[in-house]
Amino acid sequence: MKLILGWLGICFAVLGVLSIGLQDQIPPEDNLLDVPESILLTIVGVFCMYVGREYLPAGIGYLFGGDDGGDG
């Protein structure tokens, strides 16, 4: 379940960020998400990535994890 949430989180976050970034280039009749919906989708994506962080690739999982090795 966490594996699926992690990868869905990546998809949601990328889709939300792209939708925000390309808001001006997309014609209004073809635009699926408004800016508030895009922000919400991005936040949900980041939350899903946080939940599934242990199953994400090292570069992305590192953003959400602390130092798991410890000093001892």
N, C-alpha and C. Protein backbone atom coordinates (compact mmCIF):
# COMPACT_ATOMS: atom_id res chain seq x y z
N MET A 1 0.82 -1.19 0.00
CA MET A 1 0.00 0.00 0.00
C MET A 1 0.87 1.26 0.00
N LYS A 2 1.93 1.24 0.81
CA LYS A 2 2.81 2.41 0.86
C LYS A 2 3.55 2.60 -0.46
N LEU A 3 3.86 1.51 -1.12
CA LEU A 3 4.52 1.61 -2.42
C LEU A 3 3.62 2.34 -3.41
N ILE A 4 2.36 1.97 -3.44
CA ILE A 4 1.40 2.60 -4.35
C ILE A 4 1.20 4.07 -3.98
N LEU A 5 1.08 4.36 -2.69
CA LEU A 5 0.91 5.75 -2.27
C LEU A 5 2.12 6.61 -2.62
N GLY A 6 3.30 6.06 -2.46
CA GLY A 6 4.51 6.81 -2.80
C GLY A 6 4.56 7.20 -4.26
N TRP A 7 4.30 6.23 -5.13
CA TRP A 7 4.36 6.51 -6.57
C TRP A 7 3.18 7.35 -7.04
N LEU A 8 2.00 7.17 -6.44
CA LEU A 8 0.87 8.06 -6.76
C LEU A 8 1.17 9.48 -6.32
N GLY A 9 1.85 9.61 -5.20
CA GLY A 9 2.25 10.92 -4.72
C GLY A 9 3.14 11.64 -5.70
N ILE A 10 4.09 10.90 -6.29
CA ILE A 10 4.96 11.50 -7.31
C ILE A 10 4.12 11.98 -8.49
N CYS A 11 3.22 11.14 -8.94
CA CYS A 11 2.37 11.51 -10.08
C CYS A 11 1.50 12.73 -9.77
N PHE A 12 0.87 12.74 -8.59
CA PHE A 12 0.00 13.85 -8.22
C PHE A 12 0.79 15.14 -8.10
N ALA A 13 1.95 15.09 -7.47
CA ALA A 13 2.75 16.30 -7.28
C ALA A 13 3.24 16.85 -8.61
N VAL A 14 3.70 15.98 -9.49
CA VAL A 14 4.18 16.44 -10.79
C VAL A 14 3.02 17.02 -11.60
N LEU A 15 1.88 16.36 -11.59
CA LEU A 15 0.72 16.87 -12.32
C LEU A 15 0.27 18.22 -11.77
N GLY A 16 0.25 18.36 -10.46
CA GLY A 16 -0.14 19.63 -9.85
C GLY A 16 0.81 20.76 -10.17
N VAL A 17 2.11 20.48 -10.08
CA VAL A 17 3.11 21.52 -10.38
C VAL A 17 3.06 21.90 -11.86
N LEU A 18 2.95 20.92 -12.74
CA LEU A 18 2.85 21.23 -14.17
C LEU A 18 1.59 22.02 -14.49
N SER A 19 0.50 21.69 -13.83
CA SER A 19 -0.75 22.41 -14.06
C SER A 19 -0.63 23.86 -13.61
N ILE A 20 0.06 24.09 -12.49
CA ILE A 20 0.26 25.46 -12.02
C ILE A 20 1.19 26.21 -12.98
N GLY A 21 2.27 25.55 -13.37
CA GLY A 21 3.26 26.21 -14.23
C GLY A 21 2.77 26.50 -15.62
N LEU A 22 1.90 25.66 -16.14
CA LEU A 22 1.42 25.84 -17.51
C LEU A 22 0.02 26.45 -17.57
N GLN A 23 -0.43 27.03 -16.48
CA GLN A 23 -1.78 27.59 -16.40
C GLN A 23 -2.03 28.62 -17.50
N ASP A 24 -1.04 29.46 -17.81
CA ASP A 24 -1.24 30.52 -18.81
C ASP A 24 -1.17 30.01 -20.24
N GLN A 25 -0.47 28.90 -20.48
CA GLN A 25 -0.31 28.39 -21.84
C GLN A 25 -1.48 27.51 -22.29
N ILE A 26 -2.23 26.96 -21.36
CA ILE A 26 -3.34 26.06 -21.69
C ILE A 26 -4.60 26.90 -21.91
N PRO A 27 -5.30 26.69 -23.02
CA PRO A 27 -6.56 27.42 -23.24
C PRO A 27 -7.57 27.08 -22.14
N PRO A 28 -8.40 28.03 -21.74
CA PRO A 28 -9.35 27.80 -20.64
C PRO A 28 -10.28 26.62 -20.87
N GLU A 29 -10.66 26.37 -22.11
CA GLU A 29 -11.59 25.25 -22.35
C GLU A 29 -10.91 23.89 -22.22
N ASP A 30 -9.58 23.84 -22.33
CA ASP A 30 -8.84 22.59 -22.20
C ASP A 30 -8.24 22.40 -20.81
N ASN A 31 -8.35 23.41 -19.97
CA ASN A 31 -7.74 23.36 -18.64
C ASN A 31 -8.59 22.48 -17.71
N LEU A 32 -7.99 21.45 -17.15
CA LEU A 32 -8.71 20.54 -16.27
C LEU A 32 -8.75 21.01 -14.83
N LEU A 33 -7.67 21.65 -14.38
CA LEU A 33 -7.56 22.05 -12.98
C LEU A 33 -7.35 23.56 -12.85
N ASP A 34 -8.04 24.17 -11.90
CA ASP A 34 -7.78 25.56 -11.57
C ASP A 34 -6.58 25.61 -10.64
N VAL A 35 -6.12 26.80 -10.32
CA VAL A 35 -4.95 26.95 -9.46
C VAL A 35 -5.19 26.37 -8.06
N PRO A 36 -6.32 26.66 -7.39
CA PRO A 36 -6.52 26.05 -6.06
C PRO A 36 -6.56 24.52 -6.11
N GLU A 37 -7.16 23.97 -7.16
CA GLU A 37 -7.20 22.51 -7.29
C GLU A 37 -5.80 21.94 -7.53
N SER A 38 -4.99 22.66 -8.29
CA SER A 38 -3.62 22.23 -8.56
C SER A 38 -2.79 22.26 -7.28
N ILE A 39 -2.98 23.30 -6.48
CA ILE A 39 -2.25 23.39 -5.21
C ILE A 39 -2.67 22.25 -4.29
N LEU A 40 -3.95 21.97 -4.23
CA LEU A 40 -4.44 20.87 -3.40
C LEU A 40 -3.89 19.54 -3.89
N LEU A 41 -3.86 19.33 -5.19
CA LEU A 41 -3.32 18.09 -5.75
C LEU A 41 -1.84 17.95 -5.42
N THR A 42 -1.10 19.04 -5.46
CA THR A 42 0.31 19.01 -5.12
C THR A 42 0.51 18.67 -3.65
N ILE A 43 -0.29 19.26 -2.78
CA ILE A 43 -0.19 18.98 -1.34
C ILE A 43 -0.53 17.53 -1.05
N VAL A 44 -1.58 17.01 -1.67
CA VAL A 44 -1.93 15.60 -1.50
C VAL A 44 -0.81 14.71 -2.01
N GLY A 45 -0.19 15.09 -3.13
CA GLY A 45 0.92 14.33 -3.67
C GLY A 45 2.11 14.29 -2.74
N VAL A 46 2.44 15.42 -2.13
CA VAL A 46 3.55 15.47 -1.19
C VAL A 46 3.23 14.63 0.05
N PHE A 47 2.00 14.67 0.52
CA PHE A 47 1.61 13.84 1.66
C PHE A 47 1.72 12.36 1.33
N CYS A 48 1.26 11.96 0.15
CA CYS A 48 1.36 10.56 -0.26
C CYS A 48 2.82 10.13 -0.40
N MET A 49 3.67 11.03 -0.91
CA MET A 49 5.09 10.70 -1.00
C MET A 49 5.69 10.55 0.39
N TYR A 50 5.23 11.35 1.35
CA TYR A 50 5.73 11.23 2.72
C TYR A 50 5.33 9.89 3.33
N VAL A 51 4.10 9.47 3.09
CA VAL A 51 3.64 8.20 3.63
C VAL A 51 4.43 7.03 3.03
N GLY A 52 4.69 7.07 1.74
CA GLY A 52 5.40 5.98 1.07
C GLY A 52 6.87 6.25 0.85
N ARG A 53 7.47 7.10 1.66
CA ARG A 53 8.85 7.54 1.44
C ARG A 53 9.87 6.42 1.46
N GLU A 54 9.63 5.36 2.18
CA GLU A 54 10.62 4.27 2.24
C GLU A 54 10.66 3.43 0.97
N TYR A 55 9.67 3.57 0.11
CA TYR A 55 9.64 2.82 -1.14
C TYR A 55 9.97 3.67 -2.37
N LEU A 56 10.30 4.92 -2.15
CA LEU A 56 10.62 5.82 -3.26
C LEU A 56 12.10 5.71 -3.60
N PRO A 57 12.48 6.15 -4.80
CA PRO A 57 13.90 6.16 -5.14
C PRO A 57 14.69 7.01 -4.14
N ALA A 58 15.97 6.73 -4.04
CA ALA A 58 16.80 7.33 -2.99
C ALA A 58 16.77 8.85 -3.00
N GLY A 59 16.81 9.47 -4.15
CA GLY A 59 16.83 10.93 -4.22
C GLY A 59 15.57 11.57 -3.68
N ILE A 60 14.43 10.98 -3.95
CA ILE A 60 13.16 11.53 -3.50
C ILE A 60 12.90 11.16 -2.04
N GLY A 61 13.18 9.92 -1.68
CA GLY A 61 12.98 9.48 -0.31
C GLY A 61 13.87 10.23 0.67
N TYR A 62 15.04 10.65 0.20
CA TYR A 62 15.98 11.39 1.05
C TYR A 62 15.39 12.73 1.49
N LEU A 63 14.54 13.34 0.66
CA LEU A 63 13.95 14.62 1.01
C LEU A 63 13.05 14.53 2.23
N PHE A 64 12.45 13.36 2.47
CA PHE A 64 11.50 13.20 3.56
C PHE A 64 12.08 12.51 4.78
N GLY A 65 13.22 11.89 4.66
CA GLY A 65 13.78 11.14 5.77
C GLY A 65 14.92 11.88 6.44
N GLY A 66 15.07 11.59 7.72
CA GLY A 66 16.19 12.13 8.45
C GLY A 66 17.37 11.18 8.33
N ASP A 67 18.29 11.30 9.24
CA ASP A 67 19.46 10.42 9.26
C ASP A 67 19.07 9.14 9.98
N ASP A 68 18.74 8.11 9.24
CA ASP A 68 18.29 6.85 9.83
C ASP A 68 19.43 6.02 10.38
N GLY A 69 20.67 6.32 10.02
CA GLY A 69 21.80 5.51 10.44
C GLY A 69 22.19 5.73 11.90
N GLY A 70 22.06 6.92 12.38
CA GLY A 70 22.44 7.21 13.77
C GLY A 70 23.97 7.30 13.89
N ASP A 71 24.42 7.70 15.07
CA ASP A 71 25.86 7.86 15.30
C ASP A 71 26.47 6.63 15.92
N GLY A 72 25.68 5.72 16.43
CA GLY A 72 26.23 4.58 17.18
C GLY A 72 26.45 3.44 16.39
